[in-house]
């Protein structure tokens, strides 16, 4: 399997895992923006409560002032991405 195929597989597995929790937007800049679907879970919904996923680096990030639910999701996603990177030897 080529390195490109591994990256594509990781992205596919990541999106499959979170497709029911987040709306995903591609701005064409190498990043996907994830906006939580069930906004009622947030203490206070703000436009800054989204997660940014970098397609080639396989990293996730959010604003420091994002809701704790978003920050917890980022930590969960980081753990899942670590598993995927190890599994696919990247």
PDB file of N, CA and C in Angstrom:
ATOM      1  N   UNK A   1       0.852  -1.176   0.000  1.00  0.00           N
ATOM      2  CA  UNK A   1       0.000   0.000   0.000  1.00  0.00           C
ATOM      3  C   UNK A   1       0.898   1.239   0.000  1.00  0.00           C
ATOM      4  N   UNK A   2       0.592   2.176  -0.877  1.00  0.00           N
ATOM      5  CA  UNK A   2       1.394   3.402  -0.956  1.00  0.00           C
ATOM      6  C   UNK A   2       1.053   4.337   0.203  1.00  0.00           C
ATOM      7  N   UNK A   3       1.946   5.297   0.403  1.00  0.00           N
ATOM      8  CA  UNK A   3       1.726   6.272   1.467  1.00  0.00           C
ATOM      9  C   UNK A   3       0.434   7.055   1.218  1.00  0.00           C
ATOM     10  N   UNK A   4       0.174   7.413  -0.029  1.00  0.00           N
ATOM     11  CA  UNK A   4      -1.044   8.146  -0.373  1.00  0.00           C
ATOM     12  C   UNK A   4      -2.282   7.323  -0.036  1.00  0.00           C
ATOM     13  N   UNK A   5      -2.254   6.028  -0.338  1.00  0.00           N
ATOM     14  CA  UNK A   5      -3.385   5.149  -0.035  1.00  0.00           C
ATOM     15  C   UNK A   5      -3.602   5.044   1.471  1.00  0.00           C
ATOM     16  N   UNK A   6      -2.509   5.028   2.236  1.00  0.00           N
ATOM     17  CA  UNK A   6      -2.623   4.978   3.697  1.00  0.00           C
ATOM     18  C   UNK A   6      -3.293   6.240   4.228  1.00  0.00           C
ATOM     19  N   UNK A   7      -2.881   7.406   3.703  1.00  0.00           N
ATOM     20  CA  UNK A   7      -3.504   8.667   4.123  1.00  0.00           C
ATOM     21  C   UNK A   7      -4.998   8.660   3.807  1.00  0.00           C
ATOM     22  N   UNK A   8      -5.345   8.197   2.615  1.00  0.00           N
ATOM     23  CA  UNK A   8      -6.754   8.163   2.217  1.00  0.00           C
ATOM     24  C   UNK A   8      -7.556   7.225   3.112  1.00  0.00           C
ATOM     25  N   UNK A   9      -6.968   6.092   3.460  1.00  0.00           N
ATOM     26  CA  UNK A   9      -7.647   5.122   4.318  1.00  0.00           C
ATOM     27  C   UNK A   9      -7.875   5.693   5.724  1.00  0.00           C
ATOM     28  N   UNK A  10      -6.872   6.360   6.257  1.00  0.00           N
ATOM     29  CA  UNK A  10      -7.013   6.987   7.576  1.00  0.00           C
ATOM     30  C   UNK A  10      -8.129   8.027   7.549  1.00  0.00           C
ATOM     31  N   UNK A  11      -8.138   8.869   6.516  1.00  0.00           N
ATOM     32  CA  UNK A  11      -9.186   9.885   6.400  1.00  0.00           C
ATOM     33  C   UNK A  11     -10.566   9.242   6.315  1.00  0.00           C
ATOM     34  N   UNK A  12     -10.682   8.196   5.513  1.00  0.00           N
ATOM     35  CA  UNK A  12     -11.968   7.512   5.351  1.00  0.00           C
ATOM     36  C   UNK A  12     -12.451   6.936   6.683  1.00  0.00           C
ATOM     37  N   UNK A  13     -11.546   6.273   7.422  1.00  0.00           N
ATOM     38  CA  UNK A  13     -11.931   5.688   8.712  1.00  0.00           C
ATOM     39  C   UNK A  13     -12.307   6.772   9.723  1.00  0.00           C
ATOM     40  N   UNK A  14     -11.580   7.875   9.701  1.00  0.00           N
ATOM     41  CA  UNK A  14     -11.890   8.992  10.604  1.00  0.00           C
ATOM     42  C   UNK A  14     -13.275   9.554  10.300  1.00  0.00           C
ATOM     43  N   UNK A  15     -13.547   9.822   9.029  1.00  0.00           N
ATOM     44  CA  UNK A  15     -14.845  10.386   8.649  1.00  0.00           C
ATOM     45  C   UNK A  15     -15.985   9.424   8.954  1.00  0.00           C
ATOM     46  N   UNK A  16     -15.783   8.160   8.724  1.00  0.00           N
ATOM     47  CA  UNK A  16     -16.820   7.161   8.995  1.00  0.00           C
ATOM     48  C   UNK A  16     -17.167   7.144  10.476  1.00  0.00           C
ATOM     49  N   UNK A  17     -16.149   7.253  11.318  1.00  0.00           N
ATOM     50  CA  UNK A  17     -16.397   7.209  12.765  1.00  0.00           C
ATOM     51  C   UNK A  17     -17.209   8.413  13.248  1.00  0.00           C
ATOM     52  N   UNK A  18     -16.984   9.576  12.660  1.00  0.00           N
ATOM     53  CA  UNK A  18     -17.600  10.795  13.191  1.00  0.00           C
ATOM     54  C   UNK A  18     -18.703  11.385  12.315  1.00  0.00           C
ATOM     55  N   UNK A  19     -19.085  10.713  11.263  1.00  0.00           N
ATOM     56  CA  UNK A  19     -20.073  11.276  10.336  1.00  0.00           C
ATOM     57  C   UNK A  19     -21.459  11.468  10.959  1.00  0.00           C
ATOM     58  N   UNK A  20     -21.795  10.694  11.989  1.00  0.00           N
ATOM     59  CA  UNK A  20     -23.112  10.828  12.620  1.00  0.00           C
ATOM     60  C   UNK A  20     -23.150  11.885  13.720  1.00  0.00           C
ATOM     61  N   UNK A  21     -21.970  12.354  14.136  1.00  0.00           N
ATOM     62  CA  UNK A  21     -21.902  13.356  15.199  1.00  0.00           C
ATOM     63  C   UNK A  21     -21.635  14.767  14.679  1.00  0.00           C
ATOM     64  N   UNK A  22     -21.041  14.867  13.500  1.00  0.00           N
ATOM     65  CA  UNK A  22     -20.598  16.158  12.983  1.00  0.00           C
ATOM     66  C   UNK A  22     -20.988  16.351  11.529  1.00  0.00           C
ATOM     67  N   UNK A  23     -21.333  17.594  11.210  1.00  0.00           N
ATOM     68  CA  UNK A  23     -21.440  17.999   9.813  1.00  0.00           C
ATOM     69  C   UNK A  23     -20.025  18.354   9.389  1.00  0.00           C
ATOM     70  N   UNK A  24     -19.643  17.959   8.189  1.00  0.00           N
ATOM     71  CA  UNK A  24     -18.278  18.184   7.733  1.00  0.00           C
ATOM     72  C   UNK A  24     -18.278  19.095   6.518  1.00  0.00           C
ATOM     73  N   UNK A  25     -17.391  20.094   6.574  1.00  0.00           N
ATOM     74  CA  UNK A  25     -17.299  21.075   5.511  1.00  0.00           C
ATOM     75  C   UNK A  25     -15.878  21.119   4.974  1.00  0.00           C
ATOM     76  N   UNK A  26     -15.748  21.052   3.668  1.00  0.00           N
ATOM     77  CA  UNK A  26     -14.450  21.108   3.012  1.00  0.00           C
ATOM     78  C   UNK A  26     -14.336  22.454   2.308  1.00  0.00           C
ATOM     79  N   UNK A  27     -13.410  23.269   2.764  1.00  0.00           N
ATOM     80  CA  UNK A  27     -13.198  24.580   2.155  1.00  0.00           C
ATOM     81  C   UNK A  27     -12.139  24.519   1.054  1.00  0.00           C
ATOM     82  N   UNK A  28     -11.600  23.318   0.782  1.00  0.00           N
ATOM     83  CA  UNK A  28     -10.611  23.158  -0.275  1.00  0.00           C
ATOM     84  C   UNK A  28      -9.216  23.607   0.112  1.00  0.00           C
ATOM     85  N   UNK A  29      -8.951  23.722   1.404  1.00  0.00           N
ATOM     86  CA  UNK A  29      -7.637  24.192   1.856  1.00  0.00           C
ATOM     87  C   UNK A  29      -6.844  23.100   2.574  1.00  0.00           C
ATOM     88  N   UNK A  30      -7.223  21.841   2.366  1.00  0.00           N
ATOM     89  CA  UNK A  30      -6.519  20.738   3.014  1.00  0.00           C
ATOM     90  C   UNK A  30      -7.012  20.438   4.408  1.00  0.00           C
ATOM     91  N   UNK A  31      -8.071  21.111   4.805  1.00  0.00           N
ATOM     92  CA  UNK A  31      -8.656  20.894   6.131  1.00  0.00           C
ATOM     93  C   UNK A  31     -10.151  20.682   6.002  1.00  0.00           C
ATOM     94  N   UNK A  32     -10.669  19.892   6.913  1.00  0.00           N
ATOM     95  CA  UNK A  32     -12.104  19.665   7.000  1.00  0.00           C
ATOM     96  C   UNK A  32     -12.562  20.261   8.327  1.00  0.00           C
ATOM     97  N   UNK A  33     -13.650  20.982   8.285  1.00  0.00           N
ATOM     98  CA  UNK A  33     -14.196  21.607   9.484  1.00  0.00           C
ATOM     99  C   UNK A  33     -15.401  20.806   9.945  1.00  0.00           C
ATOM    100  N   UNK A  34     -15.379  20.407  11.213  1.00  0.00           N
ATOM    101  CA  UNK A  34     -16.432  19.585  11.788  1.00  0.00           C
ATOM    102  C   UNK A  34     -17.260  20.421  12.753  1.00  0.00           C
ATOM    103  N   UNK A  35     -18.549  20.481  12.487  1.00  0.00           N
ATOM    104  CA  UNK A  35     -19.485  21.232  13.319  1.00  0.00           C
ATOM    105  C   UNK A  35     -20.442  20.234  13.954  1.00  0.00           C
ATOM    106  N   UNK A  36     -20.519  20.248  15.279  1.00  0.00           N
ATOM    107  CA  UNK A  36     -21.320  19.259  15.994  1.00  0.00           C
ATOM    108  C   UNK A  36     -22.792  19.355  15.565  1.00  0.00           C
ATOM    109  N   UNK A  37     -23.398  18.205  15.344  1.00  0.00           N
ATOM    110  CA  UNK A  37     -24.789  18.157  14.878  1.00  0.00           C
ATOM    111  C   UNK A  37     -25.753  18.494  16.009  1.00  0.00           C
ATOM    112  N   UNK A  38     -25.579  17.871  17.166  1.00  0.00           N
ATOM    113  CA  UNK A  38     -26.497  18.084  18.287  1.00  0.00           C
ATOM    114  C   UNK A  38     -26.013  19.256  19.134  1.00  0.00           C
ATOM    115  N   UNK A  39     -26.344  20.453  18.703  1.00  0.00           N
ATOM    116  CA  UNK A  39     -25.873  21.651  19.384  1.00  0.00           C
ATOM    117  C   UNK A  39     -26.484  21.820  20.770  1.00  0.00           C
ATOM    118  N   UNK A  40     -27.545  21.099  21.058  1.00  0.00           N
ATOM    119  CA  UNK A  40     -28.158  21.206  22.384  1.00  0.00           C
ATOM    120  C   UNK A  40     -27.246  20.642  23.471  1.00  0.00           C
ATOM    121  N   UNK A  41     -26.245  19.852  23.083  1.00  0.00           N
ATOM    122  CA  UNK A  41     -25.290  19.322  24.057  1.00  0.00           C
ATOM    123  C   UNK A  41     -24.338  20.400  24.562  1.00  0.00           C
ATOM    124  N   UNK A  42     -24.187  21.465  23.797  1.00  0.00           N
ATOM    125  CA  UNK A  42     -23.245  22.510  24.168  1.00  0.00           C
ATOM    126  C   UNK A  42     -23.837  23.401  25.240  1.00  0.00           C
ATOM    127  N   UNK A  43     -23.007  23.819  26.175  1.00  0.00           N
ATOM    128  CA  UNK A  43     -23.454  24.717  27.230  1.00  0.00           C
ATOM    129  C   UNK A  43     -23.885  26.036  26.599  1.00  0.00           C
ATOM    130  N   UNK A  44     -23.084  26.546  25.709  1.00  0.00           N
ATOM    131  CA  UNK A  44     -23.399  27.804  25.039  1.00  0.00           C
ATOM    132  C   UNK A  44     -22.872  27.683  23.617  1.00  0.00           C
ATOM    133  N   UNK A  45     -23.756  27.632  22.659  1.00  0.00           N
ATOM    134  CA  UNK A  45     -23.313  27.485  21.277  1.00  0.00           C
ATOM    135  C   UNK A  45     -22.722  28.790  20.761  1.00  0.00           C
ATOM    136  N   UNK A  46     -21.549  28.673  20.191  1.00  0.00           N
ATOM    137  CA  UNK A  46     -20.878  29.798  19.562  1.00  0.00           C
ATOM    138  C   UNK A  46     -20.390  29.339  18.200  1.00  0.00           C
ATOM    139  N   UNK A  47     -20.153  30.273  17.326  1.00  0.00           N
ATOM    140  CA  UNK A  47     -19.648  29.906  16.007  1.00  0.00           C
ATOM    141  C   UNK A  47     -18.229  29.351  16.091  1.00  0.00           C
ATOM    142  N   UNK A  48     -17.563  29.539  17.205  1.00  0.00           N
ATOM    143  CA  UNK A  48     -16.199  29.032  17.375  1.00  0.00           C
ATOM    144  C   UNK A  48     -16.157  27.595  17.894  1.00  0.00           C
ATOM    145  N   UNK A  49     -17.286  26.966  18.064  1.00  0.00           N
ATOM    146  CA  UNK A  49     -17.343  25.590  18.550  1.00  0.00           C
ATOM    147  C   UNK A  49     -17.300  24.605  17.388  1.00  0.00           C
ATOM    148  N   UNK A  50     -16.175  24.546  16.723  1.00  0.00           N
ATOM    149  CA  UNK A  50     -15.984  23.570  15.658  1.00  0.00           C
ATOM    150  C   UNK A  50     -14.581  22.995  15.775  1.00  0.00           C
ATOM    151  N   UNK A  51     -14.365  21.912  15.081  1.00  0.00           N
ATOM    152  CA  UNK A  51     -13.079  21.219  15.104  1.00  0.00           C
ATOM    153  C   UNK A  51     -12.497  21.265  13.701  1.00  0.00           C
ATOM    154  N   UNK A  52     -11.210  21.481  13.636  1.00  0.00           N
ATOM    155  CA  UNK A  52     -10.504  21.525  12.364  1.00  0.00           C
ATOM    156  C   UNK A  52      -9.656  20.251  12.244  1.00  0.00           C
ATOM    157  N   UNK A  53      -9.855  19.518  11.146  1.00  0.00           N
ATOM    158  CA  UNK A  53      -9.095  18.288  10.889  1.00  0.00           C
ATOM    159  C   UNK A  53      -8.206  18.507   9.675  1.00  0.00           C
ATOM    160  N   UNK A  54      -6.907  18.285   9.850  1.00  0.00           N
ATOM    161  CA  UNK A  54      -5.951  18.470   8.767  1.00  0.00           C
ATOM    162  C   UNK A  54      -5.781  17.136   8.037  1.00  0.00           C
ATOM    163  N   UNK A  55      -6.111  17.139   6.745  1.00  0.00           N
ATOM    164  CA  UNK A  55      -6.174  15.899   5.956  1.00  0.00           C
ATOM    165  C   UNK A  55      -4.840  15.177   5.807  1.00  0.00           C
ATOM    166  N   UNK A  56      -3.743  15.879   5.640  1.00  0.00           N
ATOM    167  CA  UNK A  56      -2.472  15.194   5.404  1.00  0.00           C
ATOM    168  C   UNK A  56      -1.661  14.972   6.674  1.00  0.00           C
ATOM    169  N   UNK A  57      -1.861  15.824   7.673  1.00  0.00           N
ATOM    170  CA  UNK A  57      -1.129  15.657   8.930  1.00  0.00           C
ATOM    171  C   UNK A  57      -1.907  14.823   9.932  1.00  0.00           C
ATOM    172  N   UNK A  58      -3.205  14.645   9.696  1.00  0.00           N
ATOM    173  CA  UNK A  58      -4.088  13.877  10.582  1.00  0.00           C
ATOM    174  C   UNK A  58      -4.051  14.422  12.010  1.00  0.00           C
ATOM    175  N   UNK A  59      -4.284  15.732  12.100  1.00  0.00           N
ATOM    176  CA  UNK A  59      -4.348  16.389  13.395  1.00  0.00           C
ATOM    177  C   UNK A  59      -5.703  17.078  13.529  1.00  0.00           C
ATOM    178  N   UNK A  60      -6.127  17.265  14.763  1.00  0.00           N
ATOM    179  CA  UNK A  60      -7.371  17.978  15.055  1.00  0.00           C
ATOM    180  C   UNK A  60      -7.063  19.101  16.032  1.00  0.00           C
ATOM    181  N   UNK A  61      -7.862  20.161  15.937  1.00  0.00           N
ATOM    182  CA  UNK A  61      -7.652  21.302  16.812  1.00  0.00           C
ATOM    183  C   UNK A  61      -8.956  22.076  16.962  1.00  0.00           C
ATOM    184  N   UNK A  62      -9.030  22.844  18.030  1.00  0.00           N
ATOM    185  CA  UNK A  62     -10.167  23.742  18.245  1.00  0.00           C
ATOM    186  C   UNK A  62      -9.647  24.968  18.975  1.00  0.00           C
ATOM    187  N   UNK A  63     -10.492  25.970  19.087  1.00  0.00           N
ATOM    188  CA  UNK A  63     -10.108  27.183  19.807  1.00  0.00           C
ATOM    189  C   UNK A  63      -9.985  26.898  21.298  1.00  0.00           C
ATOM    190  N   UNK A  64      -9.113  27.633  21.970  1.00  0.00           N
ATOM    191  CA  UNK A  64      -8.947  27.504  23.418  1.00  0.00           C
ATOM    192  C   UNK A  64     -10.236  27.823  24.163  1.00  0.00           C
ATOM    193  N   UNK A  65     -11.050  28.692  23.603  1.00  0.00           N
ATOM    194  CA  UNK A  65     -12.281  29.124  24.265  1.00  0.00           C
ATOM    195  C   UNK A  65     -13.505  28.315  23.826  1.00  0.00           C
ATOM    196  N   UNK A  66     -13.272  27.242  23.071  1.00  0.00           N
ATOM    197  CA  UNK A  66     -14.387  26.373  22.663  1.00  0.00           C
ATOM    198  C   UNK A  66     -14.995  25.697  23.891  1.00  0.00           C
ATOM    199  N   UNK A  67     -16.224  25.257  23.746  1.00  0.00           N
ATOM    200  CA  UNK A  67     -16.931  24.564  24.820  1.00  0.00           C
ATOM    201  C   UNK A  67     -16.166  23.306  25.239  1.00  0.00           C
ATOM    202  N   UNK A  68     -16.289  22.914  26.504  1.00  0.00           N
ATOM    203  CA  UNK A  68     -15.584  21.734  27.016  1.00  0.00           C
ATOM    204  C   UNK A  68     -15.955  20.459  26.257  1.00  0.00           C
ATOM    205  N   UNK A  69     -17.183  20.370  25.776  1.00  0.00           N
ATOM    206  CA  UNK A  69     -17.598  19.193  24.996  1.00  0.00           C
ATOM    207  C   UNK A  69     -16.756  19.084  23.731  1.00  0.00           C
ATOM    208  N   UNK A  70     -16.494  20.199  23.092  1.00  0.00           N
ATOM    209  CA  UNK A  70     -15.669  20.214  21.881  1.00  0.00           C
ATOM    210  C   UNK A  70     -14.230  19.823  22.226  1.00  0.00           C
ATOM    211  N   UNK A  71     -13.705  20.372  23.296  1.00  0.00           N
ATOM    212  CA  UNK A  71     -12.340  20.034  23.719  1.00  0.00           C
ATOM    213  C   UNK A  71     -12.217  18.546  24.043  1.00  0.00           C
ATOM    214  N   UNK A  72     -13.232  17.985  24.696  1.00  0.00           N
ATOM    215  CA  UNK A  72     -13.214  16.552  25.002  1.00  0.00           C
ATOM    216  C   UNK A  72     -13.247  15.716  23.726  1.00  0.00           C
ATOM    217  N   UNK A  73     -14.027  16.158  22.742  1.00  0.00           N
ATOM    218  CA  UNK A  73     -14.098  15.450  21.462  1.00  0.00           C
ATOM    219  C   UNK A  73     -12.747  15.492  20.755  1.00  0.00           C
ATOM    220  N   UNK A  74     -12.049  16.617  20.843  1.00  0.00           N
ATOM    221  CA  UNK A  74     -10.724  16.732  20.234  1.00  0.00           C
ATOM    222  C   UNK A  74      -9.770  15.712  20.862  1.00  0.00           C
ATOM    223  N   UNK A  75      -9.807  15.591  22.181  1.00  0.00           N
ATOM    224  CA  UNK A  75      -8.947  14.605  22.865  1.00  0.00           C
ATOM    225  C   UNK A  75      -9.285  13.189  22.423  1.00  0.00           C
ATOM    226  N   UNK A  76     -10.579  12.896  22.313  1.00  0.00           N
ATOM    227  CA  UNK A  76     -11.017  11.576  21.844  1.00  0.00           C
ATOM    228  C   UNK A  76     -10.517  11.323  20.424  1.00  0.00           C
ATOM    229  N   UNK A  77     -10.669  12.316  19.564  1.00  0.00           N
ATOM    230  CA  UNK A  77     -10.238  12.179  18.166  1.00  0.00           C
ATOM    231  C   UNK A  77      -8.730  11.998  18.060  1.00  0.00           C
ATOM    232  N   UNK A  78      -7.975  12.707  18.894  1.00  0.00           N
ATOM    233  CA  UNK A  78      -6.516  12.556  18.887  1.00  0.00           C
ATOM    234  C   UNK A  78      -6.124  11.124  19.230  1.00  0.00           C
ATOM    235  N   UNK A  79      -6.801  10.540  20.202  1.00  0.00           N
ATOM    236  CA  UNK A  79      -6.532   9.147  20.561  1.00  0.00           C
ATOM    237  C   UNK A  79      -6.861   8.201  19.423  1.00  0.00           C
ATOM    238  N   UNK A  80      -7.999   8.428  18.764  1.00  0.00           N
ATOM    239  CA  UNK A  80      -8.401   7.594  17.644  1.00  0.00           C
ATOM    240  C   UNK A  80      -7.412   7.733  16.484  1.00  0.00           C
ATOM    241  N   UNK A  81      -6.966   8.949  16.214  1.00  0.00           N
ATOM    242  CA  UNK A  81      -5.990   9.158  15.147  1.00  0.00           C
ATOM    243  C   UNK A  81      -4.654   8.489  15.460  1.00  0.00           C
ATOM    244  N   UNK A  82      -4.241   8.496  16.724  1.00  0.00           N
ATOM    245  CA  UNK A  82      -3.012   7.791  17.116  1.00  0.00           C
ATOM    246  C   UNK A  82      -3.120   6.304  16.800  1.00  0.00           C
ATOM    247  N   UNK A  83      -4.286   5.733  17.093  1.00  0.00           N
ATOM    248  CA  UNK A  83      -4.518   4.311  16.790  1.00  0.00           C
ATOM    249  C   UNK A  83      -4.437   4.076  15.296  1.00  0.00           C
ATOM    250  N   UNK A  84      -5.089   4.932  14.505  1.00  0.00           N
ATOM    251  CA  UNK A  84      -5.079   4.779  13.051  1.00  0.00           C
ATOM    252  C   UNK A  84      -3.681   4.933  12.474  1.00  0.00           C
ATOM    253  N   UNK A  85      -2.929   5.895  12.957  1.00  0.00           N
ATOM    254  CA  UNK A  85      -1.567   6.110  12.451  1.00  0.00           C
ATOM    255  C   UNK A  85      -0.673   4.910  12.751  1.00  0.00           C
ATOM    256  N   UNK A  86      -0.822   4.346  13.932  1.00  0.00           N
ATOM    257  CA  UNK A  86      -0.053   3.147  14.284  1.00  0.00           C
ATOM    258  C   UNK A  86      -0.492   1.964  13.446  1.00  0.00           C
ATOM    259  N   UNK A  87      -1.795   1.785  13.314  1.00  0.00           N
ATOM    260  CA  UNK A  87      -2.359   0.673  12.549  1.00  0.00           C
ATOM    261  C   UNK A  87      -1.880   0.695  11.096  1.00  0.00           C
ATOM    262  N   UNK A  88      -1.822   1.873  10.511  1.00  0.00           N
ATOM    263  CA  UNK A  88      -1.463   1.992   9.097  1.00  0.00           C
ATOM    264  C   UNK A  88       0.014   2.387   8.896  1.00  0.00           C
ATOM    265  N   UNK A  89       0.782   2.356   9.985  1.00  0.00           N
ATOM    266  CA  UNK A  89       2.215   2.564   9.956  1.00  0.00           C
ATOM    267  C   UNK A  89       2.623   3.885   9.292  1.00  0.00           C
ATOM    268  N   UNK A  90       2.002   4.954   9.752  1.00  0.00           N
ATOM    269  CA  UNK A  90       2.366   6.295   9.274  1.00  0.00           C
ATOM    270  C   UNK A  90       2.938   7.122  10.407  1.00  0.00           C
TER     271      UNK A  90
END
